[in-house]
ModelCIF file with pLDDT and N, C-alpha, C, O atoms, coordinates in Angstrom:
data_MODEL
#
_entry.id   MODEL 
#
_entity.id                         1 
_entity.type                       polymer 
_entity.pdbx_number_of_molecules   1 
#
_entity_poly.entity_id                      1 
_entity_poly.type                           'polypeptide(L)' 
_entity_poly.nstd_linkage                   no 
_entity_poly.nstd_monomer                   no 
_entity_poly.pdbx_seq_one_letter_code       HGPWDPENGLRCDASKLLVDPYGKAFDGEFDGDSSLFSYDINNPE 
_entity_poly.pdbx_seq_one_letter_code_can   HGPWDPENGLRCDASKLLVDPYGKAFDGEFDGDSSLFSYDINNPE 
_entity_poly.pdbx_strand_id                 A 
#
loop_
_entity_poly_seq.entity_id 
_entity_poly_seq.num 
_entity_poly_seq.mon_id 
_entity_poly_seq.hetero 
1 1  HIS n 
1 2  GLY n 
1 3  PRO n 
1 4  TRP n 
1 5  ASP n 
1 6  PRO n 
1 7  GLU n 
1 8  ASN n 
1 9  GLY n 
1 10 LEU n 
1 11 ARG n 
1 12 CYS n 
1 13 ASP n 
1 14 ALA n 
1 15 SER n 
1 16 LYS n 
1 17 LEU n 
1 18 LEU n 
1 19 VAL n 
1 20 ASP n 
1 21 PRO n 
1 22 TYR n 
1 23 GLY n 
1 24 LYS n 
1 25 ALA n 
1 26 PHE n 
1 27 ASP n 
1 28 GLY n 
1 29 GLU n 
1 30 PHE n 
1 31 ASP n 
1 32 GLY n 
1 33 ASP n 
1 34 SER n 
1 35 SER n 
1 36 LEU n 
1 37 PHE n 
1 38 SER n 
1 39 TYR n 
1 40 ASP n 
1 41 ILE n 
1 42 ASN n 
1 43 ASN n 
1 44 PRO n 
1 45 GLU n 
#
_struct_asym.id          A 
_struct_asym.entity_id   1 
#
loop_
_ma_qa_metric.id 
_ma_qa_metric.mode 
_ma_qa_metric.name 
_ma_qa_metric.software_group_id 
_ma_qa_metric.type 
1 global pLDDT . pLDDT 
2 local  pLDDT . pLDDT 
#
_ma_qa_metric_global.metric_id      1 
_ma_qa_metric_global.metric_value   94.02 
_ma_qa_metric_global.model_id       1 
_ma_qa_metric_global.ordinal_id     1 
#
loop_
_ma_qa_metric_local.label_asym_id 
_ma_qa_metric_local.label_comp_id 
_ma_qa_metric_local.label_seq_id 
_ma_qa_metric_local.metric_id 
_ma_qa_metric_local.metric_value 
_ma_qa_metric_local.model_id 
_ma_qa_metric_local.ordinal_id 
A HIS 1  2 98.00 1 1  
A GLY 2  2 98.00 1 2  
A PRO 3  2 97.00 1 3  
A TRP 4  2 95.00 1 4  
A ASP 5  2 94.00 1 5  
A PRO 6  2 90.00 1 6  
A GLU 7  2 91.00 1 7  
A ASN 8  2 93.00 1 8  
A GLY 9  2 91.00 1 9  
A LEU 10 2 94.00 1 10 
A ARG 11 2 93.00 1 11 
A CYS 12 2 97.00 1 12 
A ASP 13 2 97.00 1 13 
A ALA 14 2 98.00 1 14 
A SER 15 2 98.00 1 15 
A LYS 16 2 98.00 1 16 
A LEU 17 2 98.00 1 17 
A LEU 18 2 97.00 1 18 
A VAL 19 2 97.00 1 19 
A ASP 20 2 98.00 1 20 
A PRO 21 2 96.00 1 21 
A TYR 22 2 98.00 1 22 
A GLY 23 2 98.00 1 23 
A LYS 24 2 98.00 1 24 
A ALA 25 2 98.00 1 25 
A PHE 26 2 97.00 1 26 
A ASP 27 2 96.00 1 27 
A GLY 28 2 93.00 1 28 
A GLU 29 2 90.00 1 29 
A PHE 30 2 90.00 1 30 
A ASP 31 2 89.00 1 31 
A GLY 32 2 88.00 1 32 
A ASP 33 2 92.00 1 33 
A SER 34 2 93.00 1 34 
A SER 35 2 96.00 1 35 
A LEU 36 2 94.00 1 36 
A PHE 37 2 92.00 1 37 
A SER 38 2 92.00 1 38 
A TYR 39 2 92.00 1 39 
A ASP 40 2 92.00 1 40 
A ILE 41 2 87.00 1 41 
A ASN 42 2 90.00 1 42 
A ASN 43 2 92.00 1 43 
A PRO 44 2 88.00 1 44 
A GLU 45 2 88.00 1 45 
#
loop_
_atom_site.group_PDB 
_atom_site.id 
_atom_site.type_symbol 
_atom_site.label_atom_id 
_atom_site.label_alt_id 
_atom_site.label_comp_id 
_atom_site.label_asym_id 
_atom_site.label_entity_id 
_atom_site.label_seq_id 
_atom_site.pdbx_PDB_ins_code 
_atom_site.Cartn_x 
_atom_site.Cartn_y 
_atom_site.Cartn_z 
_atom_site.occupancy 
_atom_site.B_iso_or_equiv 
_atom_site.pdbx_formal_charge 
_atom_site.auth_seq_id 
_atom_site.auth_comp_id 
_atom_site.auth_asym_id 
_atom_site.auth_atom_id 
_atom_site.pdbx_PDB_model_num 
ATOM 1   N N  . HIS A 1 1  ? -137.403 -193.897 74.440 1.00 98.00 ? 1  HIS A N  1 
ATOM 2   C CA . HIS A 1 1  ? -137.532 -192.018 74.234 1.00 98.00 ? 1  HIS A CA 1 
ATOM 3   C C  . HIS A 1 1  ? -138.592 -191.756 75.113 1.00 98.00 ? 1  HIS A C  1 
ATOM 4   O O  . HIS A 1 1  ? -139.509 -192.460 75.535 1.00 98.00 ? 1  HIS A O  1 
ATOM 5   N N  . GLY A 1 2  ? -138.284 -190.656 75.285 1.00 98.00 ? 2  GLY A N  1 
ATOM 6   C CA . GLY A 1 2  ? -139.118 -189.699 76.275 1.00 98.00 ? 2  GLY A CA 1 
ATOM 7   C C  . GLY A 1 2  ? -138.535 -188.769 77.113 1.00 98.00 ? 2  GLY A C  1 
ATOM 8   O O  . GLY A 1 2  ? -137.384 -188.409 76.867 1.00 98.00 ? 2  GLY A O  1 
ATOM 9   N N  . PRO A 1 3  ? -139.230 -188.243 78.218 1.00 97.00 ? 3  PRO A N  1 
ATOM 10  C CA . PRO A 1 3  ? -138.951 -186.938 78.998 1.00 97.00 ? 3  PRO A CA 1 
ATOM 11  C C  . PRO A 1 3  ? -137.288 -187.221 79.580 1.00 97.00 ? 3  PRO A C  1 
ATOM 12  O O  . PRO A 1 3  ? -136.809 -188.279 79.989 1.00 97.00 ? 3  PRO A O  1 
ATOM 13  N N  . TRP A 1 4  ? -136.741 -186.084 79.468 1.00 95.00 ? 4  TRP A N  1 
ATOM 14  C CA . TRP A 1 4  ? -135.202 -185.746 80.034 1.00 95.00 ? 4  TRP A CA 1 
ATOM 15  C C  . TRP A 1 4  ? -135.600 -184.882 81.267 1.00 95.00 ? 4  TRP A C  1 
ATOM 16  O O  . TRP A 1 4  ? -135.644 -183.696 80.941 1.00 95.00 ? 4  TRP A O  1 
ATOM 17  N N  . ASP A 1 5  ? -135.888 -185.081 82.512 1.00 94.00 ? 5  ASP A N  1 
ATOM 18  C CA . ASP A 1 5  ? -136.408 -184.267 83.864 1.00 94.00 ? 5  ASP A CA 1 
ATOM 19  C C  . ASP A 1 5  ? -135.655 -185.012 84.718 1.00 94.00 ? 5  ASP A C  1 
ATOM 20  O O  . ASP A 1 5  ? -136.283 -185.976 85.155 1.00 94.00 ? 5  ASP A O  1 
ATOM 21  N N  . PRO A 1 6  ? -134.265 -184.894 85.211 1.00 90.00 ? 6  PRO A N  1 
ATOM 22  C CA . PRO A 1 6  ? -133.570 -185.716 86.301 1.00 90.00 ? 6  PRO A CA 1 
ATOM 23  C C  . PRO A 1 6  ? -134.294 -185.241 87.555 1.00 90.00 ? 6  PRO A C  1 
ATOM 24  O O  . PRO A 1 6  ? -134.668 -186.072 88.383 1.00 90.00 ? 6  PRO A O  1 
ATOM 25  N N  . GLU A 1 7  ? -134.554 -183.639 87.768 1.00 91.00 ? 7  GLU A N  1 
ATOM 26  C CA . GLU A 1 7  ? -135.099 -183.159 89.158 1.00 91.00 ? 7  GLU A CA 1 
ATOM 27  C C  . GLU A 1 7  ? -136.250 -183.819 89.347 1.00 91.00 ? 7  GLU A C  1 
ATOM 28  O O  . GLU A 1 7  ? -136.732 -183.651 90.467 1.00 91.00 ? 7  GLU A O  1 
ATOM 29  N N  . ASN A 1 8  ? -137.013 -184.709 88.417 1.00 93.00 ? 8  ASN A N  1 
ATOM 30  C CA . ASN A 1 8  ? -138.168 -185.248 88.687 1.00 93.00 ? 8  ASN A CA 1 
ATOM 31  C C  . ASN A 1 8  ? -138.173 -186.761 88.528 1.00 93.00 ? 8  ASN A C  1 
ATOM 32  O O  . ASN A 1 8  ? -139.223 -187.354 88.278 1.00 93.00 ? 8  ASN A O  1 
ATOM 33  N N  . GLY A 1 9  ? -137.098 -187.347 88.661 1.00 91.00 ? 9  GLY A N  1 
ATOM 34  C CA . GLY A 1 9  ? -136.761 -188.468 88.371 1.00 91.00 ? 9  GLY A CA 1 
ATOM 35  C C  . GLY A 1 9  ? -136.918 -189.139 86.908 1.00 91.00 ? 9  GLY A C  1 
ATOM 36  O O  . GLY A 1 9  ? -137.118 -190.352 86.838 1.00 91.00 ? 9  GLY A O  1 
ATOM 37  N N  . LEU A 1 10 ? -136.837 -188.446 85.884 1.00 94.00 ? 10 LEU A N  1 
ATOM 38  C CA . LEU A 1 10 ? -137.450 -188.751 84.662 1.00 94.00 ? 10 LEU A CA 1 
ATOM 39  C C  . LEU A 1 10 ? -135.673 -188.766 83.639 1.00 94.00 ? 10 LEU A C  1 
ATOM 40  O O  . LEU A 1 10 ? -135.043 -187.761 83.310 1.00 94.00 ? 10 LEU A O  1 
ATOM 41  N N  . ARG A 1 11 ? -135.275 -190.250 83.362 1.00 93.00 ? 11 ARG A N  1 
ATOM 42  C CA . ARG A 1 11 ? -134.182 -189.902 82.737 1.00 93.00 ? 11 ARG A CA 1 
ATOM 43  C C  . ARG A 1 11 ? -134.137 -190.834 81.333 1.00 93.00 ? 11 ARG A C  1 
ATOM 44  O O  . ARG A 1 11 ? -133.266 -191.698 81.236 1.00 93.00 ? 11 ARG A O  1 
ATOM 45  N N  . CYS A 1 12 ? -135.028 -190.642 80.342 1.00 97.00 ? 12 CYS A N  1 
ATOM 46  C CA . CYS A 1 12 ? -135.233 -191.266 79.424 1.00 97.00 ? 12 CYS A CA 1 
ATOM 47  C C  . CYS A 1 12 ? -134.301 -190.433 78.576 1.00 97.00 ? 12 CYS A C  1 
ATOM 48  O O  . CYS A 1 12 ? -134.132 -189.218 78.474 1.00 97.00 ? 12 CYS A O  1 
ATOM 49  N N  . ASP A 1 13 ? -133.570 -191.840 77.808 1.00 97.00 ? 13 ASP A N  1 
ATOM 50  C CA . ASP A 1 13 ? -132.487 -191.069 77.152 1.00 97.00 ? 13 ASP A CA 1 
ATOM 51  C C  . ASP A 1 13 ? -131.943 -192.196 75.819 1.00 97.00 ? 13 ASP A C  1 
ATOM 52  O O  . ASP A 1 13 ? -131.006 -192.955 76.064 1.00 97.00 ? 13 ASP A O  1 
ATOM 53  N N  . ALA A 1 14 ? -132.450 -192.211 74.773 1.00 98.00 ? 14 ALA A N  1 
ATOM 54  C CA . ALA A 1 14 ? -132.140 -193.318 73.525 1.00 98.00 ? 14 ALA A CA 1 
ATOM 55  C C  . ALA A 1 14 ? -130.319 -193.464 73.388 1.00 98.00 ? 14 ALA A C  1 
ATOM 56  O O  . ALA A 1 14 ? -129.631 -194.273 72.766 1.00 98.00 ? 14 ALA A O  1 
ATOM 57  N N  . SER A 1 15 ? -130.106 -192.785 73.897 1.00 98.00 ? 15 SER A N  1 
ATOM 58  C CA . SER A 1 15 ? -128.350 -192.752 73.478 1.00 98.00 ? 15 SER A CA 1 
ATOM 59  C C  . SER A 1 15 ? -127.542 -193.902 74.327 1.00 98.00 ? 15 SER A C  1 
ATOM 60  O O  . SER A 1 15 ? -126.425 -194.375 74.121 1.00 98.00 ? 15 SER A O  1 
ATOM 61  N N  . LYS A 1 16 ? -128.709 -194.245 75.573 1.00 98.00 ? 16 LYS A N  1 
ATOM 62  C CA . LYS A 1 16 ? -128.173 -195.254 75.891 1.00 98.00 ? 16 LYS A CA 1 
ATOM 63  C C  . LYS A 1 16 ? -128.862 -197.006 75.782 1.00 98.00 ? 16 LYS A C  1 
ATOM 64  O O  . LYS A 1 16 ? -130.066 -197.190 75.959 1.00 98.00 ? 16 LYS A O  1 
ATOM 65  N N  . LEU A 1 17 ? -128.219 -197.785 75.574 1.00 98.00 ? 17 LEU A N  1 
ATOM 66  C CA . LEU A 1 17 ? -128.818 -199.120 75.603 1.00 98.00 ? 17 LEU A CA 1 
ATOM 67  C C  . LEU A 1 17 ? -129.034 -199.462 76.920 1.00 98.00 ? 17 LEU A C  1 
ATOM 68  O O  . LEU A 1 17 ? -128.292 -199.233 77.876 1.00 98.00 ? 17 LEU A O  1 
ATOM 69  N N  . LEU A 1 18 ? -130.336 -200.152 76.905 1.00 97.00 ? 18 LEU A N  1 
ATOM 70  C CA . LEU A 1 18 ? -130.551 -200.347 78.236 1.00 97.00 ? 18 LEU A CA 1 
ATOM 71  C C  . LEU A 1 18 ? -130.997 -202.188 78.176 1.00 97.00 ? 18 LEU A C  1 
ATOM 72  O O  . LEU A 1 18 ? -131.665 -202.827 77.363 1.00 97.00 ? 18 LEU A O  1 
ATOM 73  N N  . VAL A 1 19 ? -130.307 -202.572 79.371 1.00 97.00 ? 19 VAL A N  1 
ATOM 74  C CA . VAL A 1 19 ? -130.773 -204.290 79.301 1.00 97.00 ? 19 VAL A CA 1 
ATOM 75  C C  . VAL A 1 19 ? -132.094 -204.400 79.830 1.00 97.00 ? 19 VAL A C  1 
ATOM 76  O O  . VAL A 1 19 ? -132.857 -203.491 80.157 1.00 97.00 ? 19 VAL A O  1 
ATOM 77  N N  . ASP A 1 20 ? -132.265 -205.662 79.873 1.00 98.00 ? 20 ASP A N  1 
ATOM 78  C CA . ASP A 1 20 ? -133.656 -205.764 80.233 1.00 98.00 ? 20 ASP A CA 1 
ATOM 79  C C  . ASP A 1 20 ? -134.049 -206.509 81.646 1.00 98.00 ? 20 ASP A C  1 
ATOM 80  O O  . ASP A 1 20 ? -133.616 -207.582 82.067 1.00 98.00 ? 20 ASP A O  1 
ATOM 81  N N  . PRO A 1 21 ? -134.886 -205.724 82.180 1.00 96.00 ? 21 PRO A N  1 
ATOM 82  C CA . PRO A 1 21 ? -134.762 -205.971 83.835 1.00 96.00 ? 21 PRO A CA 1 
ATOM 83  C C  . PRO A 1 21 ? -135.468 -207.361 84.188 1.00 96.00 ? 21 PRO A C  1 
ATOM 84  O O  . PRO A 1 21 ? -135.626 -207.748 85.345 1.00 96.00 ? 21 PRO A O  1 
ATOM 85  N N  . TYR A 1 22 ? -135.866 -208.054 83.071 1.00 98.00 ? 22 TYR A N  1 
ATOM 86  C CA . TYR A 1 22 ? -136.293 -209.412 83.201 1.00 98.00 ? 22 TYR A CA 1 
ATOM 87  C C  . TYR A 1 22 ? -135.708 -210.420 82.206 1.00 98.00 ? 22 TYR A C  1 
ATOM 88  O O  . TYR A 1 22 ? -136.321 -211.440 81.890 1.00 98.00 ? 22 TYR A O  1 
ATOM 89  N N  . GLY A 1 23 ? -134.574 -210.121 81.753 1.00 98.00 ? 23 GLY A N  1 
ATOM 90  C CA . GLY A 1 23 ? -133.876 -210.585 81.296 1.00 98.00 ? 23 GLY A CA 1 
ATOM 91  C C  . GLY A 1 23 ? -133.036 -211.765 81.817 1.00 98.00 ? 23 GLY A C  1 
ATOM 92  O O  . GLY A 1 23 ? -132.332 -211.658 82.822 1.00 98.00 ? 23 GLY A O  1 
ATOM 93  N N  . LYS A 1 24 ? -133.156 -213.088 80.970 1.00 98.00 ? 24 LYS A N  1 
ATOM 94  C CA . LYS A 1 24 ? -132.795 -214.512 81.723 1.00 98.00 ? 24 LYS A CA 1 
ATOM 95  C C  . LYS A 1 24 ? -131.478 -214.695 81.398 1.00 98.00 ? 24 LYS A C  1 
ATOM 96  O O  . LYS A 1 24 ? -131.019 -215.805 81.668 1.00 98.00 ? 24 LYS A O  1 
ATOM 97  N N  . ALA A 1 25 ? -130.643 -213.775 80.811 1.00 98.00 ? 25 ALA A N  1 
ATOM 98  C CA . ALA A 1 25 ? -129.340 -214.305 80.548 1.00 98.00 ? 25 ALA A CA 1 
ATOM 99  C C  . ALA A 1 25 ? -128.605 -212.921 80.021 1.00 98.00 ? 25 ALA A C  1 
ATOM 100 O O  . ALA A 1 25 ? -129.346 -212.103 79.476 1.00 98.00 ? 25 ALA A O  1 
ATOM 101 N N  . PHE A 1 26 ? -127.347 -212.632 80.130 1.00 97.00 ? 26 PHE A N  1 
ATOM 102 C CA . PHE A 1 26 ? -126.644 -211.679 79.618 1.00 97.00 ? 26 PHE A CA 1 
ATOM 103 C C  . PHE A 1 26 ? -125.566 -212.015 79.230 1.00 97.00 ? 26 PHE A C  1 
ATOM 104 O O  . PHE A 1 26 ? -125.049 -213.006 79.745 1.00 97.00 ? 26 PHE A O  1 
ATOM 105 N N  . ASP A 1 27 ? -124.890 -211.298 78.202 1.00 96.00 ? 27 ASP A N  1 
ATOM 106 C CA . ASP A 1 27 ? -123.697 -211.379 77.792 1.00 96.00 ? 27 ASP A CA 1 
ATOM 107 C C  . ASP A 1 27 ? -122.771 -209.865 77.566 1.00 96.00 ? 27 ASP A C  1 
ATOM 108 O O  . ASP A 1 27 ? -123.270 -208.743 77.480 1.00 96.00 ? 27 ASP A O  1 
ATOM 109 N N  . GLY A 1 28 ? -121.146 -210.245 77.493 1.00 93.00 ? 28 GLY A N  1 
ATOM 110 C CA . GLY A 1 28 ? -120.681 -209.107 77.887 1.00 93.00 ? 28 GLY A CA 1 
ATOM 111 C C  . GLY A 1 28 ? -120.466 -208.241 78.775 1.00 93.00 ? 28 GLY A C  1 
ATOM 112 O O  . GLY A 1 28 ? -121.193 -208.591 79.704 1.00 93.00 ? 28 GLY A O  1 
ATOM 113 N N  . GLU A 1 29 ? -119.766 -207.065 79.163 1.00 90.00 ? 29 GLU A N  1 
ATOM 114 C CA . GLU A 1 29 ? -119.445 -206.544 80.302 1.00 90.00 ? 29 GLU A CA 1 
ATOM 115 C C  . GLU A 1 29 ? -119.658 -204.592 80.192 1.00 90.00 ? 29 GLU A C  1 
ATOM 116 O O  . GLU A 1 29 ? -119.566 -203.895 79.181 1.00 90.00 ? 29 GLU A O  1 
ATOM 117 N N  . PHE A 1 30 ? -119.901 -204.239 81.362 1.00 90.00 ? 30 PHE A N  1 
ATOM 118 C CA . PHE A 1 30 ? -119.857 -202.820 81.508 1.00 90.00 ? 30 PHE A CA 1 
ATOM 119 C C  . PHE A 1 30 ? -118.291 -202.642 81.666 1.00 90.00 ? 30 PHE A C  1 
ATOM 120 O O  . PHE A 1 30 ? -117.647 -203.244 82.526 1.00 90.00 ? 30 PHE A O  1 
ATOM 121 N N  . ASP A 1 31 ? -117.663 -201.635 80.628 1.00 89.00 ? 31 ASP A N  1 
ATOM 122 C CA . ASP A 1 31 ? -116.206 -201.295 80.624 1.00 89.00 ? 31 ASP A CA 1 
ATOM 123 C C  . ASP A 1 31 ? -115.910 -200.246 81.502 1.00 89.00 ? 31 ASP A C  1 
ATOM 124 O O  . ASP A 1 31 ? -114.740 -200.063 81.839 1.00 89.00 ? 31 ASP A O  1 
ATOM 125 N N  . GLY A 1 32 ? -116.976 -199.405 81.992 1.00 88.00 ? 32 GLY A N  1 
ATOM 126 C CA . GLY A 1 32 ? -116.781 -198.265 82.894 1.00 88.00 ? 32 GLY A CA 1 
ATOM 127 C C  . GLY A 1 32 ? -116.463 -196.790 81.610 1.00 88.00 ? 32 GLY A C  1 
ATOM 128 O O  . GLY A 1 32 ? -116.040 -195.650 81.800 1.00 88.00 ? 32 GLY A O  1 
ATOM 129 N N  . ASP A 1 33 ? -116.802 -197.345 80.635 1.00 92.00 ? 33 ASP A N  1 
ATOM 130 C CA . ASP A 1 33 ? -116.705 -195.751 79.782 1.00 92.00 ? 33 ASP A CA 1 
ATOM 131 C C  . ASP A 1 33 ? -117.572 -194.984 79.912 1.00 92.00 ? 33 ASP A C  1 
ATOM 132 O O  . ASP A 1 33 ? -118.707 -195.295 80.272 1.00 92.00 ? 33 ASP A O  1 
ATOM 133 N N  . SER A 1 34 ? -117.117 -193.615 79.590 1.00 93.00 ? 34 SER A N  1 
ATOM 134 C CA . SER A 1 34 ? -117.945 -192.353 80.177 1.00 93.00 ? 34 SER A CA 1 
ATOM 135 C C  . SER A 1 34 ? -119.208 -192.570 79.119 1.00 93.00 ? 34 SER A C  1 
ATOM 136 O O  . SER A 1 34 ? -120.026 -191.697 79.407 1.00 93.00 ? 34 SER A O  1 
ATOM 137 N N  . SER A 1 35 ? -119.608 -193.208 78.238 1.00 96.00 ? 35 SER A N  1 
ATOM 138 C CA . SER A 1 35 ? -120.849 -193.037 77.480 1.00 96.00 ? 35 SER A CA 1 
ATOM 139 C C  . SER A 1 35 ? -121.798 -193.851 78.756 1.00 96.00 ? 35 SER A C  1 
ATOM 140 O O  . SER A 1 35 ? -122.944 -193.438 78.932 1.00 96.00 ? 35 SER A O  1 
ATOM 141 N N  . LEU A 1 36 ? -121.399 -194.739 79.422 1.00 94.00 ? 36 LEU A N  1 
ATOM 142 C CA . LEU A 1 36 ? -122.201 -195.543 80.337 1.00 94.00 ? 36 LEU A CA 1 
ATOM 143 C C  . LEU A 1 36 ? -123.309 -194.336 81.271 1.00 94.00 ? 36 LEU A C  1 
ATOM 144 O O  . LEU A 1 36 ? -124.377 -194.554 81.844 1.00 94.00 ? 36 LEU A O  1 
ATOM 145 N N  . PHE A 1 37 ? -122.549 -193.098 81.117 1.00 92.00 ? 37 PHE A N  1 
ATOM 146 C CA . PHE A 1 37 ? -123.449 -192.147 82.265 1.00 92.00 ? 37 PHE A CA 1 
ATOM 147 C C  . PHE A 1 37 ? -123.985 -191.298 81.281 1.00 92.00 ? 37 PHE A C  1 
ATOM 148 O O  . PHE A 1 37 ? -123.492 -191.034 80.185 1.00 92.00 ? 37 PHE A O  1 
ATOM 149 N N  . SER A 1 38 ? -125.458 -190.732 81.965 1.00 92.00 ? 38 SER A N  1 
ATOM 150 C CA . SER A 1 38 ? -126.082 -189.673 81.114 1.00 92.00 ? 38 SER A CA 1 
ATOM 151 C C  . SER A 1 38 ? -125.694 -188.354 81.418 1.00 92.00 ? 38 SER A C  1 
ATOM 152 O O  . SER A 1 38 ? -126.314 -187.362 81.033 1.00 92.00 ? 38 SER A O  1 
ATOM 153 N N  . TYR A 1 39 ? -124.531 -188.329 82.202 1.00 92.00 ? 39 TYR A N  1 
ATOM 154 C CA . TYR A 1 39 ? -123.822 -186.841 82.377 1.00 92.00 ? 39 TYR A CA 1 
ATOM 155 C C  . TYR A 1 39 ? -122.414 -187.001 82.408 1.00 92.00 ? 39 TYR A C  1 
ATOM 156 O O  . TYR A 1 39 ? -121.770 -188.050 82.419 1.00 92.00 ? 39 TYR A O  1 
ATOM 157 N N  . ASP A 1 40 ? -122.003 -185.775 82.422 1.00 92.00 ? 40 ASP A N  1 
ATOM 158 C CA . ASP A 1 40 ? -120.507 -185.627 82.224 1.00 92.00 ? 40 ASP A CA 1 
ATOM 159 C C  . ASP A 1 40 ? -119.967 -185.923 83.960 1.00 92.00 ? 40 ASP A C  1 
ATOM 160 O O  . ASP A 1 40 ? -120.468 -185.401 84.957 1.00 92.00 ? 40 ASP A O  1 
ATOM 161 N N  . ILE A 1 41 ? -118.953 -186.792 83.929 1.00 87.00 ? 41 ILE A N  1 
ATOM 162 C CA . ILE A 1 41 ? -118.346 -187.463 85.319 1.00 87.00 ? 41 ILE A CA 1 
ATOM 163 C C  . ILE A 1 41 ? -117.668 -186.067 85.805 1.00 87.00 ? 41 ILE A C  1 
ATOM 164 O O  . ILE A 1 41 ? -117.713 -185.754 86.994 1.00 87.00 ? 41 ILE A O  1 
ATOM 165 N N  . ASN A 1 42 ? -116.979 -185.167 84.747 1.00 90.00 ? 42 ASN A N  1 
ATOM 166 C CA . ASN A 1 42 ? -116.596 -183.896 85.476 1.00 90.00 ? 42 ASN A CA 1 
ATOM 167 C C  . ASN A 1 42 ? -117.355 -182.522 85.938 1.00 90.00 ? 42 ASN A C  1 
ATOM 168 O O  . ASN A 1 42 ? -116.966 -181.655 86.719 1.00 90.00 ? 42 ASN A O  1 
ATOM 169 N N  . ASN A 1 43 ? -118.692 -182.629 85.113 1.00 92.00 ? 43 ASN A N  1 
ATOM 170 C CA . ASN A 1 43 ? -119.487 -181.870 85.188 1.00 92.00 ? 43 ASN A CA 1 
ATOM 171 C C  . ASN A 1 43 ? -120.921 -182.328 85.326 1.00 92.00 ? 43 ASN A C  1 
ATOM 172 O O  . ASN A 1 43 ? -121.736 -182.159 84.418 1.00 92.00 ? 43 ASN A O  1 
ATOM 173 N N  . PRO A 1 44 ? -121.167 -182.811 86.280 1.00 88.00 ? 44 PRO A N  1 
ATOM 174 C CA . PRO A 1 44 ? -122.552 -183.856 86.694 1.00 88.00 ? 44 PRO A CA 1 
ATOM 175 C C  . PRO A 1 44 ? -124.040 -182.610 86.245 1.00 88.00 ? 44 PRO A C  1 
ATOM 176 O O  . PRO A 1 44 ? -125.187 -183.055 86.294 1.00 88.00 ? 44 PRO A O  1 
ATOM 177 N N  . GLU A 1 45 ? -123.866 -181.550 85.959 1.00 88.00 ? 45 GLU A N  1 
ATOM 178 C CA . GLU A 1 45 ? -125.026 -180.751 85.675 1.00 88.00 ? 45 GLU A CA 1 
ATOM 179 C C  . GLU A 1 45 ? -125.072 -181.024 83.799 1.00 88.00 ? 45 GLU A C  1 
ATOM 180 O O  . GLU A 1 45 ? -125.951 -180.495 83.119 1.00 88.00 ? 45 GLU A O  1 
#
C-alpha cells in the first residue's frame, strides 16, 4: 500500500499480488489476465 503516482514512478497498488524479488522458488503461472496490469489495456490512462 502506498502512493499511486505513475508519472513519478510510484505504482503502489494493493490489488496486485507481488512476488518476492528475493524468492528462491516460485509456483503457478502468469496467465495474461487483465487483472495483472495496473492500467486498462484498451485505455492506459
